[in-house]
Protein backbone atom coordinates (compact mmCIF):
# COMPACT_ATOMS: atom_id res chain seq x y z
CA MET A 1 75.05 165.04 121.99
CA SER A 2 73.52 163.98 118.97
CA ASP A 3 70.02 165.18 118.07
CA PRO A 4 67.14 163.58 119.44
CA HIS A 5 65.35 164.41 116.26
CA GLN A 6 67.41 163.28 113.76
CA ARG A 7 66.09 160.52 111.56
CA PHE A 8 68.04 157.27 110.57
CA SER A 9 67.65 154.57 108.46
CA ARG A 10 65.51 151.84 109.69
CA ARG A 11 68.43 149.39 108.38
CA THR A 12 70.68 150.40 110.49
CA ALA A 13 68.65 150.34 113.55
CA TRP A 14 70.56 147.68 114.99
CA ASP A 15 70.88 147.16 118.72
CA LEU A 16 74.77 147.77 119.07
CA SER A 17 75.14 146.95 123.52
CA PRO A 18 77.74 144.92 124.18
CA GLY A 19 75.70 141.79 125.01
CA ASP A 20 77.37 139.58 128.11
CA LEU A 21 80.04 137.93 126.84
CA SER A 22 81.55 141.41 126.06
CA LEU A 23 80.99 142.91 129.12
CA ALA A 24 83.07 139.81 131.15
CA GLY A 25 85.64 140.38 128.38
CA LEU A 26 86.03 143.70 129.33
CA ALA A 27 85.85 143.46 133.41
CA ALA A 28 88.13 140.44 133.20
CA ARG A 29 90.78 142.48 130.68
CA LYS A 30 90.54 145.79 133.23
CA GLN A 31 91.07 143.55 136.50
CA GLY A 32 94.37 142.61 134.60
CA ARG A 33 93.69 139.16 133.91
CA GLU A 34 95.12 136.43 130.78
CA LEU A 35 92.56 135.72 128.98
CA LEU A 36 93.15 133.27 125.93
CA ASP A 37 91.60 134.11 122.79
CA LEU A 38 90.81 130.42 121.51
CA THR A 39 88.23 132.94 118.86
CA VAL A 40 91.17 134.73 116.87
CA SER A 41 90.71 134.64 113.32
CA ASN A 42 93.13 137.38 111.63
CA PRO A 43 95.45 135.01 109.89
CA THR A 44 98.07 138.52 110.12
CA ALA A 45 97.37 138.44 113.50
CA CYS A 46 98.05 134.82 114.21
CA GLY A 47 102.02 135.02 114.40
CA PHE A 48 102.88 133.17 110.00
CA ASP A 49 105.51 134.85 108.11
CA TYR A 50 104.93 136.89 105.89
CA ASP A 51 106.96 137.58 103.03
CA ALA A 52 107.18 141.33 103.49
CA GLU A 53 108.99 142.54 100.43
CA SER A 54 108.08 140.26 97.79
CA LEU A 55 104.34 140.48 99.10
CA LEU A 56 104.45 144.67 98.33
CA GLU A 57 106.71 145.52 95.97
CA PRO A 58 103.91 145.12 93.49
CA LEU A 59 102.35 147.95 95.04
CA ALA A 60 104.64 149.96 93.57
CA ASN A 61 103.95 149.46 90.10
CA PRO A 62 104.15 152.95 87.72
CA LEU A 63 101.18 151.68 85.77
CA ALA A 64 99.33 152.63 88.78
CA LEU A 65 99.17 155.56 88.10
CA THR A 66 97.78 155.85 85.10
CA TYR A 67 93.14 155.92 85.84
CA ASP A 68 91.73 153.54 83.58
CA PRO A 69 89.06 151.85 84.80
CA ASP A 70 87.63 148.20 83.97
CA PRO A 71 84.14 147.66 85.48
CA ARG A 72 84.93 144.14 85.92
CA GLY A 73 88.28 144.21 86.67
CA LEU A 74 91.70 144.63 84.77
CA ARG A 75 91.90 141.78 82.18
CA SER A 76 95.38 141.34 83.99
CA ALA A 77 93.95 140.74 87.39
CA ARG A 78 90.97 138.65 85.71
CA ALA A 79 93.65 136.27 84.28
CA SER A 80 94.98 135.73 87.51
CA VAL A 81 91.57 134.48 88.27
CA ALA A 82 90.77 132.22 85.88
CA ASP A 83 94.59 130.61 86.40
CA TYR A 84 93.54 130.40 89.95
CA TYR A 85 90.75 127.90 88.82
CA ALA A 86 92.59 125.93 85.97
CA ARG A 87 94.72 124.43 88.78
CA HIS A 88 91.39 123.43 90.39
CA SER A 89 90.75 121.68 87.12
CA ALA A 90 88.13 124.41 86.09
CA PRO A 91 88.54 126.77 82.98
CA VAL A 92 86.61 129.90 83.73
CA ASP A 93 86.70 132.66 81.59
CA PRO A 94 88.06 135.52 82.58
CA ASN A 95 85.57 137.91 81.32
CA ALA A 96 83.07 135.85 83.11
CA ILE A 97 84.93 137.09 86.32
CA LEU A 98 84.40 140.51 88.36
CA LEU A 99 87.06 141.74 91.02
CA THR A 100 85.58 143.62 94.23
CA THR A 101 87.00 144.60 97.39
CA SER A 102 85.49 142.33 99.46
CA THR A 103 83.41 139.24 99.32
CA SER A 104 80.47 141.39 101.38
CA GLU A 105 80.47 143.45 98.43
CA ALA A 106 80.14 140.27 95.71
CA TYR A 107 77.39 139.58 98.10
CA SER A 108 76.27 143.16 97.45
CA PHE A 109 76.37 143.08 94.16
CA LEU A 110 74.34 139.80 93.88
CA PHE A 111 71.82 140.78 96.08
CA ARG A 112 71.09 143.94 94.13
CA LEU A 113 71.16 142.09 90.69
CA LEU A 114 68.85 139.54 91.87
CA CYS A 115 66.27 140.91 94.88
CA ASP A 116 63.85 143.38 94.81
CA PRO A 117 63.02 145.01 98.35
CA GLY A 118 61.78 142.79 99.73
CA ASP A 119 63.10 139.29 98.40
CA GLU A 120 65.16 136.60 100.05
CA VAL A 121 67.20 134.53 99.91
CA LEU A 122 68.19 131.19 101.00
CA VAL A 123 70.90 130.44 103.13
CA ALA A 124 72.57 127.65 105.45
CA GLN A 125 71.90 127.39 108.99
CA PRO A 126 74.48 127.12 110.75
CA SER A 127 76.42 130.18 109.14
CA TYR A 128 78.08 133.28 110.18
CA PRO A 129 76.26 136.21 110.98
CA LEU A 130 77.67 138.51 108.82
CA PHE A 131 74.54 137.82 105.99
CA ASP A 132 72.04 139.05 108.48
CA PHE A 133 74.17 142.30 107.96
CA LEU A 134 74.10 142.07 104.77
CA ALA A 135 70.86 141.79 104.14
CA THR A 136 69.51 144.41 106.18
CA LEU A 137 71.67 147.22 103.90
CA ASP A 138 70.22 145.84 100.81
CA ASP A 139 66.53 145.81 102.03
CA ILE A 140 65.90 142.18 101.28
CA ASN A 141 65.49 139.12 103.89
CA LEU A 142 67.34 136.18 104.95
CA ARG A 143 65.43 132.81 105.24
CA PRO A 144 67.40 130.07 106.64
CA TYR A 145 67.71 126.24 105.86
CA PRO A 146 69.00 123.63 108.02
CA LEU A 147 72.17 121.84 107.92
CA PHE A 148 72.05 118.84 110.72
CA TYR A 149 74.65 116.92 112.49
CA ASP A 150 74.74 112.85 112.12
CA PHE A 151 78.28 111.54 112.21
CA GLY A 152 78.80 115.11 110.13
CA TRP A 153 76.85 117.80 108.53
CA TRP A 154 74.40 117.41 106.14
CA ILE A 155 71.71 119.49 104.02
CA ASP A 156 68.69 118.80 105.16
CA PHE A 157 66.52 119.26 101.51
CA ALA A 158 63.17 118.28 102.37
CA GLU A 159 63.35 121.82 104.74
CA LEU A 160 65.25 123.13 102.29
CA GLU A 161 62.51 123.09 99.50
CA ARG A 162 59.80 123.62 101.90
CA ARG A 163 61.33 127.12 102.48
CA ILE A 164 61.06 127.63 98.55
CA THR A 165 58.16 130.40 98.36
CA PRO A 166 57.50 132.63 95.31
CA ARG A 167 59.96 135.52 96.80
CA ILE A 168 63.15 133.11 96.90
CA ARG A 169 65.58 134.29 94.22
CA ALA A 170 68.16 132.95 95.42
CA ILE A 171 70.27 129.69 97.36
CA LEU A 172 73.32 130.42 98.86
CA VAL A 173 75.82 127.82 99.89
CA VAL A 174 79.12 128.39 101.66
CA HIS A 175 81.21 125.42 100.04
CA PRO A 176 83.21 124.37 102.34
CA ASN A 177 81.04 125.71 105.46
CA ASN A 178 82.24 128.44 108.36
CA PRO A 179 82.61 127.11 111.00
CA THR A 180 81.05 123.97 110.40
CA GLY A 181 83.44 122.80 108.42
CA HIS A 182 80.92 120.92 106.01
CA TRP A 183 81.84 120.05 102.18
CA THR A 184 79.07 120.06 99.45
CA HIS A 185 79.59 116.96 98.42
CA GLN A 186 78.66 116.30 94.53
CA PRO A 187 75.27 115.06 95.24
CA GLU A 188 74.12 118.01 97.93
CA ARG A 189 75.63 119.89 94.91
CA GLU A 190 73.44 118.03 91.97
CA ARG A 191 70.41 118.46 94.12
CA LEU A 192 70.89 122.48 94.95
CA GLU A 193 71.32 122.77 91.31
CA ASP A 194 67.74 120.60 89.88
CA LEU A 195 66.31 123.12 92.65
CA CYS A 196 67.78 126.71 91.48
CA ALA A 197 66.69 125.49 87.70
CA ARG A 198 63.82 123.76 88.87
CA HIS A 199 62.49 127.30 90.40
CA ASN A 200 64.24 129.32 88.33
CA LEU A 201 66.92 130.43 90.60
CA ALA A 202 69.92 131.61 90.93
CA LEU A 203 73.31 129.85 93.06
CA ILE A 204 75.51 131.65 94.98
CA VAL A 205 78.64 129.80 96.10
CA ASP A 206 80.78 130.84 98.46
CA GLU A 207 84.82 129.33 98.07
CA VAL A 208 86.88 131.81 100.50
CA PHE A 209 87.63 128.66 102.16
CA LEU A 210 88.00 125.52 99.32
CA ASP A 211 91.87 125.50 99.49
CA TYR A 212 91.91 124.00 103.52
CA PRO A 213 90.74 120.59 103.30
CA ILE A 214 91.58 118.28 106.01
CA ALA A 215 91.24 114.61 105.58
CA PRO A 216 88.07 115.25 102.69
CA ALA A 217 86.14 111.92 101.97
CA GLU A 218 86.42 112.87 98.22
CA PRO A 219 89.28 115.95 96.62
CA ALA A 220 88.06 119.09 96.55
CA LYS A 221 86.08 120.63 93.89
CA THR A 222 85.02 123.88 93.06
CA PHE A 223 81.71 124.60 91.62
CA ALA A 224 83.40 126.59 88.96
CA THR A 225 83.40 123.39 87.30
CA GLY A 226 80.92 122.22 85.31
CA PRO A 227 77.73 122.05 84.56
CA HIS A 228 76.16 124.77 85.16
CA PRO A 229 72.07 123.87 84.93
CA ALA A 230 71.76 127.22 86.64
CA LEU A 231 72.61 130.42 86.95
CA THR A 232 75.64 130.35 89.23
CA PHE A 233 77.68 132.84 91.06
CA VAL A 234 80.79 131.52 92.71
CA LEU A 235 82.48 134.09 95.00
CA SER A 236 85.99 133.52 96.40
CA GLY A 237 88.72 136.21 97.55
CA ILE A 238 92.46 136.71 98.69
CA SER A 239 91.27 137.19 102.27
CA LYS A 240 91.62 133.57 102.92
CA ILE A 241 93.30 132.34 99.84
CA ALA A 242 96.03 133.98 100.12
CA ALA A 243 95.82 135.25 103.99
CA LEU A 244 95.55 138.64 103.07
CA PRO A 245 92.35 140.13 104.45
CA GLN A 246 94.62 143.61 104.64
CA MET A 247 94.68 143.96 100.65
CA LYS A 248 90.81 143.90 100.06
CA VAL A 249 90.50 142.33 96.81
CA ALA A 250 88.05 139.57 95.68
CA TRP A 251 85.51 138.22 92.87
CA LEU A 252 82.15 136.83 91.78
CA ALA A 253 82.49 134.43 88.57
CA THR A 254 79.52 133.89 86.70
CA PHE A 255 78.20 130.59 85.05
CA GLY A 256 75.21 129.28 83.72
CA PRO A 257 73.13 129.19 80.55
CA GLY A 258 74.45 131.53 77.82
CA PRO A 259 71.71 134.16 77.04
CA VAL A 260 71.64 134.77 81.18
CA VAL A 261 75.07 134.83 82.08
CA SER A 262 75.45 138.09 79.44
CA GLU A 263 72.70 139.61 80.70
CA ALA A 264 73.71 138.99 84.33
CA LEU A 265 77.10 140.07 83.79
CA ALA A 266 75.82 143.57 82.17
CA ARG A 267 74.20 144.10 84.42
CA LEU A 268 77.10 143.02 86.91
CA GLU A 269 79.27 145.63 84.58
CA VAL A 270 76.97 148.69 85.37
CA ILE A 271 76.33 148.47 89.03
CA SER A 272 80.46 147.95 89.43
CA ASP A 273 80.59 151.04 87.17
CA THR A 274 78.26 153.27 89.58
CA PHE A 275 81.26 152.84 92.35
CA LEU A 276 84.06 151.33 90.88
CA SER A 277 85.63 150.95 94.24
CA MET A 278 88.84 148.45 93.10
CA ASN A 279 92.12 150.43 93.33
CA ALA A 280 94.63 149.86 90.87
CA PRO A 281 97.36 149.36 92.98
CA ALA A 282 95.62 146.49 94.55
CA GLN A 283 94.85 144.72 90.96
CA PHE A 284 98.51 145.27 89.39
CA SER A 285 99.45 143.22 92.80
CA LEU A 286 97.14 140.05 92.00
CA PRO A 287 98.96 138.31 89.87
CA THR A 288 101.71 137.95 92.43
CA TRP A 289 99.26 137.45 95.62
CA LEU A 290 98.01 135.16 94.08
CA ALA A 291 101.49 133.49 93.44
CA SER A 292 102.54 134.12 96.73
CA ARG A 293 99.23 131.72 98.53
CA HIS A 294 101.52 128.86 98.76
CA HIS A 295 103.33 129.69 101.20
CA LEU A 296 100.74 131.27 103.59
CA GLN A 297 99.02 128.34 102.95
CA SER A 298 101.39 125.38 103.93
CA GLN A 299 101.77 127.44 106.89
CA ILE A 300 98.14 127.62 107.97
CA ARG A 301 97.14 123.86 107.37
CA SER A 302 100.33 123.02 109.65
CA ARG A 303 99.38 125.12 112.07
CA VAL A 304 95.75 123.61 111.74
CA ALA A 305 97.08 119.80 112.04
CA ALA A 306 98.94 120.76 114.99
CA ASN A 307 95.97 122.23 116.78
CA LEU A 308 93.54 119.41 115.50
CA ALA A 309 96.04 116.55 116.98
CA THR A 310 95.90 118.88 120.59
CA LEU A 311 92.12 118.72 120.11
CA ALA A 312 92.78 115.17 119.62
CA ALA A 313 94.62 114.08 122.74
CA SER A 314 92.09 116.19 125.11
CA PRO A 315 89.01 115.05 126.15
CA VAL A 316 86.72 117.48 124.08
CA GLU A 317 83.99 115.80 121.44
CA LEU A 318 84.93 117.56 118.65
CA LEU A 319 82.41 117.61 115.41
CA HIS A 320 83.28 116.12 112.60
CA LEU A 321 85.06 118.58 110.72
CA GLU A 322 86.21 118.64 106.59
CA ALA A 323 87.35 121.70 105.91
CA GLY A 324 88.21 125.15 106.97
CA TRP A 325 89.74 127.13 110.14
CA ALA A 326 87.47 126.22 112.89
CA ALA A 327 86.24 123.80 115.09
CA VAL A 328 82.92 123.19 116.46
CA LEU A 329 83.49 121.52 119.54
CA LYS A 330 80.15 119.88 122.09
CA LEU A 331 80.58 120.02 125.59
CA ARG A 332 78.31 118.65 128.35
CA GLU A 333 76.68 121.75 129.42
CA ALA A 334 74.53 124.78 127.60
CA ASP A 335 75.20 128.06 127.06
CA PRO A 336 79.21 127.49 128.80
CA ALA A 337 81.21 130.44 126.96
CA LEU A 338 80.11 133.40 129.81
CA ARG A 339 81.57 130.84 132.91
CA LEU A 340 84.52 129.29 130.65
CA LEU A 341 85.92 132.96 130.65
CA GLU A 342 84.49 133.91 133.98
CA GLU A 343 86.31 130.94 135.35
CA HIS A 344 88.72 129.75 133.32
CA GLY A 345 89.98 132.79 131.64
CA VAL A 346 89.57 130.91 127.86
CA ILE A 347 87.35 133.13 124.88
CA VAL A 348 85.62 130.99 122.86
CA HIS A 349 82.31 131.44 120.80
CA PRO A 350 78.83 130.35 121.78
CA GLY A 351 77.35 128.24 118.78
CA SER A 352 74.16 130.85 118.74
CA PHE A 353 76.53 133.13 117.33
CA TYR A 354 76.10 131.33 114.05
CA GLY A 355 72.66 129.91 114.74
CA MET A 356 73.41 126.67 116.54
CA VAL A 357 70.75 125.14 118.15
CA ASP A 358 72.42 123.10 120.46
CA HIS A 359 73.77 124.80 123.47
CA ARG A 360 76.40 123.04 124.43
CA LEU A 361 78.18 123.86 121.01
CA ILE A 362 81.05 126.00 121.40
CA VAL A 363 83.57 127.39 118.48
CA VAL A 364 86.96 127.64 118.68
CA SER A 365 89.91 129.26 115.97
CA LEU A 366 92.12 126.53 114.33
CA LEU A 367 94.63 129.78 113.83
CA THR A 368 94.98 129.93 117.07
CA THR A 369 99.21 130.26 117.78
CA GLU A 370 100.17 126.34 118.83
CA ARG A 371 101.05 127.81 122.38
CA ASP A 372 97.72 129.53 123.25
CA PHE A 373 95.09 126.89 122.18
CA SER A 374 96.98 123.95 124.11
CA GLU A 375 97.13 126.31 126.45
CA GLY A 376 93.18 126.84 125.96
CA ILE A 377 91.91 123.58 125.51
CA GLY A 378 94.26 122.57 128.60
CA ARG A 379 92.03 124.91 130.48
CA LEU A 380 88.36 123.69 128.96
CA SER A 381 89.45 120.31 129.72
CA GLU A 382 90.15 120.73 133.27
CA SER A 383 86.75 122.55 132.90
CA LEU A 384 85.13 119.14 132.37
CA ALA A 385 86.94 116.99 135.32
CA PRO A 386 83.94 116.90 137.48
CA PHE A 387 81.42 115.85 133.69
CA THR A 388 84.29 113.35 133.19
CA VAL A 389 84.78 111.86 136.38
CA GLN A 390 81.06 111.57 136.46
CA ARG A 391 80.35 110.77 133.15
CA ASN A 392 83.22 107.66 133.85
CA HIS A 393 81.76 106.57 137.30
CA GLY A 394 77.67 106.39 135.51
CA SER A 395 79.25 103.87 132.73
CA LYS A 396 81.01 101.64 135.43
CA HIS A 397 77.75 101.18 137.31
CA SER A 398 75.80 101.26 134.50
CA GLY A 399 77.43 98.77 132.27
CA LYS A 400 76.69 101.33 129.33
């Protein structure tokens, strides 16, 4: 038993008790019920074909036995990241790249670089809830700015600008957004850069899903392409690019006006040098892992396309999706996730998990195996039957 007088940091005073959905899932499994989990987003657990030999071989590089730390990361590893951007038509200087063990670590580095305790960062909502934990651990505050849905997701720029205060230090964009799949299109990018330049803010852009477009209206374009009127940081990593989350390699690239970029990189180098968390075997392996990305990416795109076809053939309403691995579905009742689990054995994420205000929205992973996804959407469709009948009945007699 822990000492009741032991004091812990307020920043870790989270409510760790399980929610109703988690408790219902535990109870169902104890009863031996078969559950179909439509939220699985770990690519290594989704039945994809990994070339184990080629992926593990570079970890045996004997050069990794020599400790020769570079706070920005090995030059060869950073050059492979620069080559990745070159294939996205973005010339990037390897010296502008700093390797981290995850995008979470990259965020933490940037929060420490840009913010004093109590400062604030603007982040889109809906979005992945991880940011809340990172901000709390770095003693900063997040302020949401809304994405709204109107035959697609859009940034509410009027509201975004209203929320800029003297404590705001950066605007954070996930491009494309998780889970909405919203691209930040060129006109939106230009408005974001103008806001940051006028208010002397940094722009932080998370591009981990950049390589997974779904019939985009315009070609996927990285924020690493210039020009960069404001200080800009582009984050990514092999967790999504190469479907290798277990290898723990990510990076941030820095762009903007010359003098401010130089100072930012010098300060980031000190932050990174304080931890030196990147291990040598992973850095020596990064060129091989990045080169192998197409093998996994093609499988993921095929899986996503197949599961989207399943949705298209169902009565479930799919909100417009431009990129990524997730789909937002709109049902006809509020807060349906618990009922779907208890009555139909289907696990989905409620939209509120991501900050969605419409409680009819749920989120599913398009990485789910095709068999499980098809059966899960079938059960979900059956759950809509009473609503479908009522809708059709109303249409017949109302003329709507």
